[in-house]
Amino acid sequence: MTFVNKTYEQLQKLVSPRYKQVIPKGTDVVCGVIFDEEEVVLSSAVRKALKKVNLNLNDEAKKLAIGYNFTFESIQLLHEYNFDVVSLRDFPWTDERYKAIKGSNR
């Protein structure tokens, strides 16, 4: 997981080339979280990121979360903190379903 405070253009230079087409264009500064895993991002990973970023619900800064795919719960949590979510996939996993299929205690 990587935390950034960059413009959209700077973010495009930081991410893997395959994410470049899904990041909005512009020169606005955003507080960003890049989830490095090439798997589904669970709500537990989002909670961990939010604690490290130390944002509050009323923070008006533009926020962006970038990841391969997010669970339903992780998207809900990010939206509570006014994050825009950018992902390569949008398969509608839940945390529980993804854990059950992966057979892990993530």
PDB file of N, CA and C in Angstrom:
ATOM      1  N   MET A   1       0.850  -1.160   0.000  1.00  0.00           N
ATOM      2  CA  MET A   1       0.000   0.000   0.000  1.00  0.00           C
ATOM      3  C   MET A   1       0.905   1.235   0.000  1.00  0.00           C
ATOM      4  N   THR A   2       0.555   2.194  -0.827  1.00  0.00           N
ATOM      5  CA  THR A   2       1.331   3.415  -0.954  1.00  0.00           C
ATOM      6  C   THR A   2       0.405   4.609  -0.742  1.00  0.00           C
ATOM      7  N   PHE A   3       0.862   5.589   0.031  1.00  0.00           N
ATOM      8  CA  PHE A   3       0.081   6.802   0.284  1.00  0.00           C
ATOM      9  C   PHE A   3       0.725   7.954  -0.454  1.00  0.00           C
ATOM     10  N   VAL A   4      -0.092   8.738  -1.120  1.00  0.00           N
ATOM     11  CA  VAL A   4       0.447   9.851  -1.899  1.00  0.00           C
ATOM     12  C   VAL A   4      -0.419  11.093  -1.725  1.00  0.00           C
ATOM     13  N   ASN A   5       0.195  12.211  -1.948  1.00  0.00           N
ATOM     14  CA  ASN A   5      -0.490  13.491  -2.003  1.00  0.00           C
ATOM     15  C   ASN A   5       0.037  14.166  -3.263  1.00  0.00           C
ATOM     16  N   LYS A   6      -0.562  13.846  -4.390  1.00  0.00           N
ATOM     17  CA  LYS A   6      -0.053  14.230  -5.701  1.00  0.00           C
ATOM     18  C   LYS A   6      -1.179  14.710  -6.597  1.00  0.00           C
ATOM     19  N   THR A   7      -0.797  15.249  -7.747  1.00  0.00           N
ATOM     20  CA  THR A   7      -1.797  15.580  -8.760  1.00  0.00           C
ATOM     21  C   THR A   7      -2.167  14.291  -9.495  1.00  0.00           C
ATOM     22  N   TYR A   8      -3.280  14.339 -10.216  1.00  0.00           N
ATOM     23  CA  TYR A   8      -3.669  13.177 -11.019  1.00  0.00           C
ATOM     24  C   TYR A   8      -2.553  12.820 -12.010  1.00  0.00           C
ATOM     25  N   GLU A   9      -1.950  13.839 -12.599  1.00  0.00           N
ATOM     26  CA  GLU A   9      -0.874  13.589 -13.570  1.00  0.00           C
ATOM     27  C   GLU A   9       0.313  12.902 -12.908  1.00  0.00           C
ATOM     28  N   GLN A  10       0.674  13.316 -11.697  1.00  0.00           N
ATOM     29  CA  GLN A  10       1.772  12.681 -10.983  1.00  0.00           C
ATOM     30  C   GLN A  10       1.419  11.244 -10.601  1.00  0.00           C
ATOM     31  N   LEU A  11       0.157  11.026 -10.227  1.00  0.00           N
ATOM     32  CA  LEU A  11      -0.290   9.666  -9.897  1.00  0.00           C
ATOM     33  C   LEU A  11      -0.135   8.727 -11.084  1.00  0.00           C
ATOM     34  N   GLN A  12      -0.454   9.225 -12.267  1.00  0.00           N
ATOM     35  CA  GLN A  12      -0.348   8.388 -13.461  1.00  0.00           C
ATOM     36  C   GLN A  12       1.086   7.919 -13.686  1.00  0.00           C
ATOM     37  N   LYS A  13       2.054   8.688 -13.234  1.00  0.00           N
ATOM     38  CA  LYS A  13       3.458   8.303 -13.383  1.00  0.00           C
ATOM     39  C   LYS A  13       3.894   7.298 -12.315  1.00  0.00           C
ATOM     40  N   LEU A  14       3.159   7.238 -11.208  1.00  0.00           N
ATOM     41  CA  LEU A  14       3.519   6.352 -10.101  1.00  0.00           C
ATOM     42  C   LEU A  14       2.954   4.940 -10.233  1.00  0.00           C
ATOM     43  N   VAL A  15       1.832   4.826 -10.903  1.00  0.00           N
ATOM     44  CA  VAL A  15       1.130   3.538 -10.937  1.00  0.00           C
ATOM     45  C   VAL A  15       1.616   2.665 -12.090  1.00  0.00           C
ATOM     46  N   SER A  16       1.259   1.416 -12.008  1.00  0.00           N
ATOM     47  CA  SER A  16       1.519   0.477 -13.088  1.00  0.00           C
ATOM     48  C   SER A  16       0.862   1.002 -14.364  1.00  0.00           C
ATOM     49  N   PRO A  17       1.483   0.781 -15.514  1.00  0.00           N
ATOM     50  CA  PRO A  17       0.924   1.282 -16.777  1.00  0.00           C
ATOM     51  C   PRO A  17      -0.534   0.890 -17.019  1.00  0.00           C
ATOM     52  N   ARG A  18      -0.957  -0.242 -16.530  1.00  0.00           N
ATOM     53  CA  ARG A  18      -2.333  -0.666 -16.791  1.00  0.00           C
ATOM     54  C   ARG A  18      -3.372   0.162 -16.053  1.00  0.00           C
ATOM     55  N   TYR A  19      -2.961   0.922 -15.021  1.00  0.00           N
ATOM     56  CA  TYR A  19      -3.895   1.789 -14.301  1.00  0.00           C
ATOM     57  C   TYR A  19      -4.012   3.173 -14.927  1.00  0.00           C
ATOM     58  N   LYS A  20      -3.071   3.530 -15.764  1.00  0.00           N
ATOM     59  CA  LYS A  20      -3.028   4.895 -16.296  1.00  0.00           C
ATOM     60  C   LYS A  20      -4.310   5.306 -17.006  1.00  0.00           C
ATOM     61  N   GLN A  21      -4.935   4.389 -17.727  1.00  0.00           N
ATOM     62  CA  GLN A  21      -6.143   4.757 -18.470  1.00  0.00           C
ATOM     63  C   GLN A  21      -7.356   4.960 -17.568  1.00  0.00           C
ATOM     64  N   VAL A  22      -7.330   4.493 -16.326  1.00  0.00           N
ATOM     65  CA  VAL A  22      -8.506   4.633 -15.455  1.00  0.00           C
ATOM     66  C   VAL A  22      -8.374   5.771 -14.441  1.00  0.00           C
ATOM     67  N   ILE A  23      -7.209   6.378 -14.347  1.00  0.00           N
ATOM     68  CA  ILE A  23      -7.026   7.519 -13.447  1.00  0.00           C
ATOM     69  C   ILE A  23      -7.502   8.779 -14.165  1.00  0.00           C
ATOM     70  N   PRO A  24      -8.332   9.563 -13.494  1.00  0.00           N
ATOM     71  CA  PRO A  24      -8.810  10.799 -14.130  1.00  0.00           C
ATOM     72  C   PRO A  24      -7.649  11.707 -14.527  1.00  0.00           C
ATOM     73  N   LYS A  25      -7.876  12.506 -15.526  1.00  0.00           N
ATOM     74  CA  LYS A  25      -6.868  13.473 -15.948  1.00  0.00           C
ATOM     75  C   LYS A  25      -7.102  14.783 -15.199  1.00  0.00           C
ATOM     76  N   GLY A  26      -6.038  15.522 -15.009  1.00  0.00           N
ATOM     77  CA  GLY A  26      -6.188  16.816 -14.361  1.00  0.00           C
ATOM     78  C   GLY A  26      -4.987  17.177 -13.523  1.00  0.00           C
ATOM     79  N   THR A  27      -5.012  18.384 -13.037  1.00  0.00           N
ATOM     80  CA  THR A  27      -3.896  18.887 -12.235  1.00  0.00           C
ATOM     81  C   THR A  27      -4.292  19.100 -10.780  1.00  0.00           C
ATOM     82  N   ASP A  28      -5.512  18.689 -10.401  1.00  0.00           N
ATOM     83  CA  ASP A  28      -5.932  18.796  -9.000  1.00  0.00           C
ATOM     84  C   ASP A  28      -5.075  17.889  -8.135  1.00  0.00           C
ATOM     85  N   VAL A  29      -4.818  18.324  -6.917  1.00  0.00           N
ATOM     86  CA  VAL A  29      -4.069  17.508  -5.968  1.00  0.00           C
ATOM     87  C   VAL A  29      -5.052  16.594  -5.244  1.00  0.00           C
ATOM     88  N   VAL A  30      -4.685  15.335  -5.126  1.00  0.00           N
ATOM     89  CA  VAL A  30      -5.526  14.362  -4.432  1.00  0.00           C
ATOM     90  C   VAL A  30      -4.706  13.635  -3.383  1.00  0.00           C
ATOM     91  N   CYS A  31      -5.384  13.236  -2.334  1.00  0.00           N
ATOM     92  CA  CYS A  31      -4.797  12.357  -1.337  1.00  0.00           C
ATOM     93  C   CYS A  31      -5.113  10.955  -1.838  1.00  0.00           C
ATOM     94  N   GLY A  32      -4.106  10.180  -2.127  1.00  0.00           N
ATOM     95  CA  GLY A  32      -4.356   8.881  -2.729  1.00  0.00           C
ATOM     96  C   GLY A  32      -3.807   7.714  -1.941  1.00  0.00           C
ATOM     97  N   VAL A  33      -4.479   6.586  -2.097  1.00  0.00           N
ATOM     98  CA  VAL A  33      -4.011   5.315  -1.553  1.00  0.00           C
ATOM     99  C   VAL A  33      -3.949   4.349  -2.719  1.00  0.00           C
ATOM    100  N   ILE A  34      -2.773   3.801  -2.945  1.00  0.00           N
ATOM    101  CA  ILE A  34      -2.595   2.819  -4.011  1.00  0.00           C
ATOM    102  C   ILE A  34      -2.415   1.459  -3.349  1.00  0.00           C
ATOM    103  N   PHE A  35      -3.352   0.556  -3.597  1.00  0.00           N
ATOM    104  CA  PHE A  35      -3.260  -0.803  -3.066  1.00  0.00           C
ATOM    105  C   PHE A  35      -2.468  -1.624  -4.065  1.00  0.00           C
ATOM    106  N   ASP A  36      -1.310  -2.101  -3.648  1.00  0.00           N
ATOM    107  CA  ASP A  36      -0.358  -2.733  -4.546  1.00  0.00           C
ATOM    108  C   ASP A  36      -0.717  -4.158  -4.952  1.00  0.00           C
ATOM    109  N   GLU A  37      -1.499  -4.832  -4.140  1.00  0.00           N
ATOM    110  CA  GLU A  37      -1.827  -6.219  -4.447  1.00  0.00           C
ATOM    111  C   GLU A  37      -2.600  -6.313  -5.754  1.00  0.00           C
ATOM    112  N   GLU A  38      -2.396  -7.391  -6.457  1.00  0.00           N
ATOM    113  CA  GLU A  38      -3.147  -7.605  -7.694  1.00  0.00           C
ATOM    114  C   GLU A  38      -4.319  -8.543  -7.437  1.00  0.00           C
ATOM    115  N   GLU A  39      -4.942  -8.352  -6.302  1.00  0.00           N
ATOM    116  CA  GLU A  39      -6.092  -9.145  -5.924  1.00  0.00           C
ATOM    117  C   GLU A  39      -7.204  -8.216  -5.484  1.00  0.00           C
ATOM    118  N   VAL A  40      -8.196  -8.801  -4.876  1.00  0.00           N
ATOM    119  CA  VAL A  40      -9.323  -8.048  -4.353  1.00  0.00           C
ATOM    120  C   VAL A  40      -8.902  -7.359  -3.060  1.00  0.00           C
ATOM    121  N   VAL A  41      -9.268  -6.087  -2.917  1.00  0.00           N
ATOM    122  CA  VAL A  41      -8.954  -5.323  -1.718  1.00  0.00           C
ATOM    123  C   VAL A  41     -10.115  -5.478  -0.740  1.00  0.00           C
ATOM    124  N   LEU A  42      -9.834  -6.086   0.403  1.00  0.00           N
ATOM    125  CA  LEU A  42     -10.841  -6.316   1.427  1.00  0.00           C
ATOM    126  C   LEU A  42     -11.024  -5.080   2.294  1.00  0.00           C
ATOM    127  N   SER A  43     -12.147  -5.022   3.006  1.00  0.00           N
ATOM    128  CA  SER A  43     -12.413  -3.884   3.875  1.00  0.00           C
ATOM    129  C   SER A  43     -11.383  -3.774   4.992  1.00  0.00           C
ATOM    130  N   SER A  44     -10.811  -4.893   5.432  1.00  0.00           N
ATOM    131  CA  SER A  44      -9.771  -4.846   6.471  1.00  0.00           C
ATOM    132  C   SER A  44      -8.549  -4.069   5.982  1.00  0.00           C
ATOM    133  N   ALA A  45      -8.186  -4.214   4.721  1.00  0.00           N
ATOM    134  CA  ALA A  45      -7.063  -3.460   4.159  1.00  0.00           C
ATOM    135  C   ALA A  45      -7.407  -1.980   4.059  1.00  0.00           C
ATOM    136  N   VAL A  46      -8.655  -1.684   3.739  1.00  0.00           N
ATOM    137  CA  VAL A  46      -9.090  -0.285   3.657  1.00  0.00           C
ATOM    138  C   VAL A  46      -9.067   0.350   5.044  1.00  0.00           C
ATOM    139  N   ARG A  47      -9.555  -0.366   6.057  1.00  0.00           N
ATOM    140  CA  ARG A  47      -9.527   0.165   7.426  1.00  0.00           C
ATOM    141  C   ARG A  47      -8.099   0.468   7.856  1.00  0.00           C
ATOM    142  N   LYS A  48      -7.204  -0.443   7.559  1.00  0.00           N
ATOM    143  CA  LYS A  48      -5.787  -0.260   7.891  1.00  0.00           C
ATOM    144  C   LYS A  48      -5.238   0.998   7.200  1.00  0.00           C
ATOM    145  N   ALA A  49      -5.568   1.173   5.938  1.00  0.00           N
ATOM    146  CA  ALA A  49      -5.109   2.346   5.186  1.00  0.00           C
ATOM    147  C   ALA A  49      -5.687   3.631   5.769  1.00  0.00           C
ATOM    148  N   LEU A  50      -6.976   3.617   6.104  1.00  0.00           N
ATOM    149  CA  LEU A  50      -7.612   4.816   6.647  1.00  0.00           C
ATOM    150  C   LEU A  50      -6.994   5.222   7.981  1.00  0.00           C
ATOM    151  N   LYS A  51      -6.606   4.244   8.792  1.00  0.00           N
ATOM    152  CA  LYS A  51      -5.945   4.562  10.062  1.00  0.00           C
ATOM    153  C   LYS A  51      -4.592   5.229   9.817  1.00  0.00           C
ATOM    154  N   LYS A  52      -3.868   4.743   8.829  1.00  0.00           N
ATOM    155  CA  LYS A  52      -2.556   5.316   8.532  1.00  0.00           C
ATOM    156  C   LYS A  52      -2.675   6.705   7.927  1.00  0.00           C
ATOM    157  N   VAL A  53      -3.683   6.920   7.097  1.00  0.00           N
ATOM    158  CA  VAL A  53      -3.874   8.223   6.465  1.00  0.00           C
ATOM    159  C   VAL A  53      -4.407   9.222   7.483  1.00  0.00           C
ATOM    160  N   ASN A  54      -5.145   8.727   8.476  1.00  0.00           N
ATOM    161  CA  ASN A  54      -5.684   9.552   9.556  1.00  0.00           C
ATOM    162  C   ASN A  54      -6.606  10.660   9.026  1.00  0.00           C
ATOM    163  N   LEU A  55      -7.537  10.287   8.188  1.00  0.00           N
ATOM    164  CA  LEU A  55      -8.515  11.232   7.648  1.00  0.00           C
ATOM    165  C   LEU A  55      -9.779  11.208   8.493  1.00  0.00           C
ATOM    166  N   ASN A  56     -10.536  12.287   8.421  1.00  0.00           N
ATOM    167  CA  ASN A  56     -11.832  12.266   9.078  1.00  0.00           C
ATOM    168  C   ASN A  56     -12.934  12.415   8.036  1.00  0.00           C
ATOM    169  N   LEU A  57     -14.139  12.141   8.443  1.00  0.00           N
ATOM    170  CA  LEU A  57     -15.270  12.149   7.513  1.00  0.00           C
ATOM    171  C   LEU A  57     -15.526  13.512   6.891  1.00  0.00           C
ATOM    172  N   ASN A  58     -15.149  14.587   7.575  1.00  0.00           N
ATOM    173  CA  ASN A  58     -15.437  15.931   7.084  1.00  0.00           C
ATOM    174  C   ASN A  58     -14.303  16.515   6.245  1.00  0.00           C
ATOM    175  N   ASP A  59     -13.241  15.790   6.072  1.00  0.00           N
ATOM    176  CA  ASP A  59     -12.113  16.274   5.278  1.00  0.00           C
ATOM    177  C   ASP A  59     -12.579  16.495   3.840  1.00  0.00           C
ATOM    178  N   GLU A  60     -12.395  17.701   3.331  1.00  0.00           N
ATOM    179  CA  GLU A  60     -12.889  18.037   1.998  1.00  0.00           C
ATOM    180  C   GLU A  60     -11.855  17.849   0.894  1.00  0.00           C
ATOM    181  N   ALA A  61     -10.666  17.388   1.223  1.00  0.00           N
ATOM    182  CA  ALA A  61      -9.650  17.159   0.198  1.00  0.00           C
ATOM    183  C   ALA A  61     -10.143  16.084  -0.768  1.00  0.00           C
ATOM    184  N   LYS A  62      -9.736  16.187  -2.026  1.00  0.00           N
ATOM    185  CA  LYS A  62     -10.081  15.148  -2.996  1.00  0.00           C
ATOM    186  C   LYS A  62      -9.297  13.897  -2.616  1.00  0.00           C
ATOM    187  N   LYS A  63      -9.996  12.765  -2.652  1.00  0.00           N
ATOM    188  CA  LYS A  63      -9.375  11.511  -2.247  1.00  0.00           C
ATOM    189  C   LYS A  63      -9.615  10.450  -3.317  1.00  0.00           C
ATOM    190  N   LEU A  64      -8.610   9.613  -3.527  1.00  0.00           N
ATOM    191  CA  LEU A  64      -8.681   8.594  -4.560  1.00  0.00           C
ATOM    192  C   LEU A  64      -8.059   7.298  -4.049  1.00  0.00           C
ATOM    193  N   ALA A  65      -8.758   6.197  -4.223  1.00  0.00           N
ATOM    194  CA  ALA A  65      -8.236   4.869  -3.892  1.00  0.00           C
ATOM    195  C   ALA A  65      -8.084   4.101  -5.199  1.00  0.00           C
ATOM    196  N   ILE A  66      -6.906   3.514  -5.374  1.00  0.00           N
ATOM    197  CA  ILE A  66      -6.599   2.791  -6.607  1.00  0.00           C
ATOM    198  C   ILE A  66      -6.270   1.344  -6.249  1.00  0.00           C
ATOM    199  N   GLY A  67      -6.913   0.411  -6.930  1.00  0.00           N
ATOM    200  CA  GLY A  67      -6.650  -1.001  -6.673  1.00  0.00           C
ATOM    201  C   GLY A  67      -7.190  -1.870  -7.790  1.00  0.00           C
ATOM    202  N   TYR A  68      -6.813  -3.126  -7.748  1.00  0.00           N
ATOM    203  CA  TYR A  68      -7.218  -4.065  -8.797  1.00  0.00           C
ATOM    204  C   TYR A  68      -8.724  -4.292  -8.786  1.00  0.00           C
ATOM    205  N   ASN A  69      -9.268  -4.642  -7.617  1.00  0.00           N
ATOM    206  CA  ASN A  69     -10.701  -4.863  -7.436  1.00  0.00           C
ATOM    207  C   ASN A  69     -11.003  -4.672  -5.960  1.00  0.00           C
ATOM    208  N   PHE A  70     -12.143  -4.116  -5.632  1.00  0.00           N
ATOM    209  CA  PHE A  70     -12.524  -3.842  -4.253  1.00  0.00           C
ATOM    210  C   PHE A  70     -13.790  -4.612  -3.918  1.00  0.00           C
ATOM    211  N   THR A  71     -13.878  -5.092  -2.672  1.00  0.00           N
ATOM    212  CA  THR A  71     -15.118  -5.743  -2.247  1.00  0.00           C
ATOM    213  C   THR A  71     -16.198  -4.689  -2.036  1.00  0.00           C
ATOM    214  N   PHE A  72     -17.417  -5.158  -1.959  1.00  0.00           N
ATOM    215  CA  PHE A  72     -18.561  -4.288  -1.706  1.00  0.00           C
ATOM    216  C   PHE A  72     -18.345  -3.479  -0.431  1.00  0.00           C
ATOM    217  N   GLU A  73     -17.887  -4.152   0.638  1.00  0.00           N
ATOM    218  CA  GLU A  73     -17.683  -3.489   1.922  1.00  0.00           C
ATOM    219  C   GLU A  73     -16.564  -2.451   1.859  1.00  0.00           C
ATOM    220  N   SER A  74     -15.507  -2.753   1.130  1.00  0.00           N
ATOM    221  CA  SER A  74     -14.396  -1.794   1.046  1.00  0.00           C
ATOM    222  C   SER A  74     -14.820  -0.545   0.271  1.00  0.00           C
ATOM    223  N   ILE A  75     -15.627  -0.725  -0.771  1.00  0.00           N
ATOM    224  CA  ILE A  75     -16.126   0.436  -1.517  1.00  0.00           C
ATOM    225  C   ILE A  75     -17.041   1.287  -0.638  1.00  0.00           C
ATOM    226  N   GLN A  76     -17.912   0.638   0.115  1.00  0.00           N
ATOM    227  CA  GLN A  76     -18.793   1.384   1.021  1.00  0.00           C
ATOM    228  C   GLN A  76     -17.982   2.210   2.017  1.00  0.00           C
ATOM    229  N   LEU A  77     -16.962   1.600   2.588  1.00  0.00           N
ATOM    230  CA  LEU A  77     -16.113   2.285   3.568  1.00  0.00           C
ATOM    231  C   LEU A  77     -15.379   3.462   2.928  1.00  0.00           C
ATOM    232  N   LEU A  78     -14.830   3.261   1.759  1.00  0.00           N
ATOM    233  CA  LEU A  78     -14.141   4.348   1.062  1.00  0.00           C
ATOM    234  C   LEU A  78     -15.099   5.485   0.721  1.00  0.00           C
ATOM    235  N   HIS A  79     -16.302   5.155   0.311  1.00  0.00           N
ATOM    236  CA  HIS A  79     -17.286   6.192  -0.009  1.00  0.00           C
ATOM    237  C   HIS A  79     -17.699   6.982   1.237  1.00  0.00           C
ATOM    238  N   GLU A  80     -17.714   6.323   2.411  1.00  0.00           N
ATOM    239  CA  GLU A  80     -18.015   7.027   3.657  1.00  0.00           C
ATOM    240  C   GLU A  80     -17.006   8.149   3.902  1.00  0.00           C
ATOM    241  N   TYR A  81     -15.783   7.948   3.469  1.00  0.00           N
ATOM    242  CA  TYR A  81     -14.718   8.936   3.638  1.00  0.00           C
ATOM    243  C   TYR A  81     -14.501   9.761   2.363  1.00  0.00           C
ATOM    244  N   ASN A  82     -15.472   9.718   1.488  1.00  0.00           N
ATOM    245  CA  ASN A  82     -15.492  10.525   0.258  1.00  0.00           C
ATOM    246  C   ASN A  82     -14.340  10.220  -0.701  1.00  0.00           C
ATOM    247  N   PHE A  83     -13.937   8.975  -0.756  1.00  0.00           N
ATOM    248  CA  PHE A  83     -12.931   8.554  -1.730  1.00  0.00           C
ATOM    249  C   PHE A  83     -13.610   8.209  -3.047  1.00  0.00           C
ATOM    250  N   ASP A  84     -12.996   8.616  -4.134  1.00  0.00           N
ATOM    251  CA  ASP A  84     -13.349   8.071  -5.433  1.00  0.00           C
ATOM    252  C   ASP A  84     -12.557   6.774  -5.556  1.00  0.00           C
ATOM    253  N   VAL A  85     -13.145   5.769  -6.162  1.00  0.00           N
ATOM    254  CA  VAL A  85     -12.506   4.466  -6.278  1.00  0.00           C
ATOM    255  C   VAL A  85     -12.200   4.188  -7.744  1.00  0.00           C
ATOM    256  N   VAL A  86     -10.947   3.825  -7.999  1.00  0.00           N
ATOM    257  CA  VAL A  86     -10.510   3.478  -9.351  1.00  0.00           C
ATOM    258  C   VAL A  86     -10.000   2.048  -9.300  1.00  0.00           C
ATOM    259  N   SER A  87     -10.578   1.200 -10.148  1.00  0.00           N
ATOM    260  CA  SER A  87     -10.142  -0.200 -10.175  1.00  0.00           C
ATOM    261  C   SER A  87     -10.142  -0.724 -11.601  1.00  0.00           C
ATOM    262  N   LEU A  88      -9.387  -1.783 -11.792  1.00  0.00           N
ATOM    263  CA  LEU A  88      -9.350  -2.413 -13.105  1.00  0.00           C
ATOM    264  C   LEU A  88     -10.515  -3.372 -13.298  1.00  0.00           C
ATOM    265  N   ARG A  89     -10.994  -3.939 -12.216  1.00  0.00           N
ATOM    266  CA  ARG A  89     -12.114  -4.883 -12.274  1.00  0.00           C
ATOM    267  C   ARG A  89     -13.206  -4.393 -11.339  1.00  0.00           C
ATOM    268  N   ASP A  90     -14.432  -4.793 -11.628  1.00  0.00           N
ATOM    269  CA  ASP A  90     -15.537  -4.413 -10.749  1.00  0.00           C
ATOM    270  C   ASP A  90     -16.446  -5.601 -10.447  1.00  0.00           C
ATOM    271  N   PHE A  91     -15.816  -6.764 -10.280  1.00  0.00           N
ATOM    272  CA  PHE A  91     -16.593  -7.939  -9.902  1.00  0.00           C
ATOM    273  C   PHE A  91     -17.145  -7.703  -8.498  1.00  0.00           C
ATOM    274  N   PRO A  92     -18.430  -7.964  -8.262  1.00  0.00           N
ATOM    275  CA  PRO A  92     -19.071  -7.599  -6.989  1.00  0.00           C
ATOM    276  C   PRO A  92     -18.833  -8.599  -5.846  1.00  0.00           C
ATOM    277  N   TRP A  93     -17.607  -8.723  -5.401  1.00  0.00           N
ATOM    278  CA  TRP A  93     -17.286  -9.585  -4.265  1.00  0.00           C
ATOM    279  C   TRP A  93     -17.796  -8.961  -2.970  1.00  0.00           C
ATOM    280  N   THR A  94     -18.093  -9.814  -2.005  1.00  0.00           N
ATOM    281  CA  THR A  94     -18.207  -9.365  -0.618  1.00  0.00           C
ATOM    282  C   THR A  94     -16.962  -9.890   0.084  1.00  0.00           C
ATOM    283  N   ASP A  95     -16.610  -9.315   1.225  1.00  0.00           N
ATOM    284  CA  ASP A  95     -15.454  -9.814   1.981  1.00  0.00           C
ATOM    285  C   ASP A  95     -15.619 -11.301   2.274  1.00  0.00           C
ATOM    286  N   GLU A  96     -16.804 -11.665   2.776  1.00  0.00           N
ATOM    287  CA  GLU A  96     -17.064 -13.050   3.180  1.00  0.00           C
ATOM    288  C   GLU A  96     -16.947 -14.018   2.000  1.00  0.00           C
ATOM    289  N   ARG A  97     -17.534 -13.663   0.895  1.00  0.00           N
ATOM    290  CA  ARG A  97     -17.511 -14.548  -0.279  1.00  0.00           C
ATOM    291  C   ARG A  97     -16.096 -14.721  -0.817  1.00  0.00           C
ATOM    292  N   TYR A  98     -15.343 -13.627  -0.884  1.00  0.00           N
ATOM    293  CA  TYR A  98     -13.975 -13.707  -1.393  1.00  0.00           C
ATOM    294  C   TYR A  98     -13.109 -14.576  -0.476  1.00  0.00           C
ATOM    295  N   LYS A  99     -13.253 -14.394   0.837  1.00  0.00           N
ATOM    296  CA  LYS A  99     -12.485 -15.214   1.794  1.00  0.00           C
ATOM    297  C   LYS A  99     -12.861 -16.680   1.663  1.00  0.00           C
ATOM    298  N   ALA A 100     -14.150 -16.967   1.483  1.00  0.00           N
ATOM    299  CA  ALA A 100     -14.600 -18.360   1.386  1.00  0.00           C
ATOM    300  C   ALA A 100     -14.025 -19.019   0.131  1.00  0.00           C
ATOM    301  N   ILE A 101     -14.019 -18.299  -0.966  1.00  0.00           N
ATOM    302  CA  ILE A 101     -13.491 -18.870  -2.215  1.00  0.00           C
ATOM    303  C   ILE A 101     -11.973 -19.024  -2.151  1.00  0.00           C
ATOM    304  N   LYS A 102     -11.304 -18.064  -1.570  1.00  0.00           N
ATOM    305  CA  LYS A 102      -9.846 -18.131  -1.467  1.00  0.00           C
ATOM    306  C   LYS A 102      -9.408 -19.116  -0.390  1.00  0.00           C
ATOM    307  N   GLY A 103     -10.316 -19.460   0.527  1.00  0.00           N
ATOM    308  CA  GLY A 103      -9.998 -20.436   1.573  1.00  0.00           C
ATOM    309  C   GLY A 103      -8.937 -19.963   2.542  1.00  0.00           C
ATOM    310  N   SER A 104      -8.949 -18.671   2.843  1.00  0.00           N
ATOM    311  CA  SER A 104      -7.945 -18.153   3.758  1.00  0.00           C
ATOM    312  C   SER A 104      -8.605 -17.396   4.892  1.00  0.00           C
ATOM    313  N   ASN A 105      -7.826 -17.084   5.877  1.00  0.00           N
ATOM    314  CA  ASN A 105      -8.309 -16.300   7.008  1.00  0.00           C
ATOM    315  C   ASN A 105      -7.797 -14.879   6.924  1.00  0.00           C
ATOM    316  N   ARG A 106      -7.876 -14.293   5.762  1.00  0.00           N
ATOM    317  CA  ARG A 106      -7.351 -12.946   5.540  1.00  0.00           C
ATOM    318  C   ARG A 106      -8.051 -11.938   6.388  1.00  0.00           C
TER     319      ARG A 106
END
